[in-house]
Amino acid sequence: MKPMEKVKKIETSNKKTPLRMCISCRTMFPQKELLRIVKTKDNAVMIAKSSKVNGRSAYCCRNKECIEKVISKHLIDKHFSMSVPDGVYEALKKEMN
């Protein structure tokens, strides 16, 4: 087998893309299309830019209506069963723009 044939086989492999549910609209999306909010072991809550941050995750789609619903109904508080600082919701507003 030539080296180029190996590359083509790797590129065409059928990998499953992980699906996650938006906490606002409850719709399944590919994981990379969603905003990831993470609660770390020390109860710090942040918006993760990469998937390398460890902890319990909540996902929200980038739809303006969904982000507004998460902010207005404090859905992150409910998902993590704790009071989330307002700075997290402010960061979500910035992601909306």
Foldseek 3Di string as FASTA:
>chain_A
DDPVVVVVVVVPDDDDFDWDAALQPRDIDRPVQWWKWFQDPVRAIATDPDPPDDHDIHTHGLDLVRLVRCLVVVSVCVVVVHDHDCVRNVVSVVSND
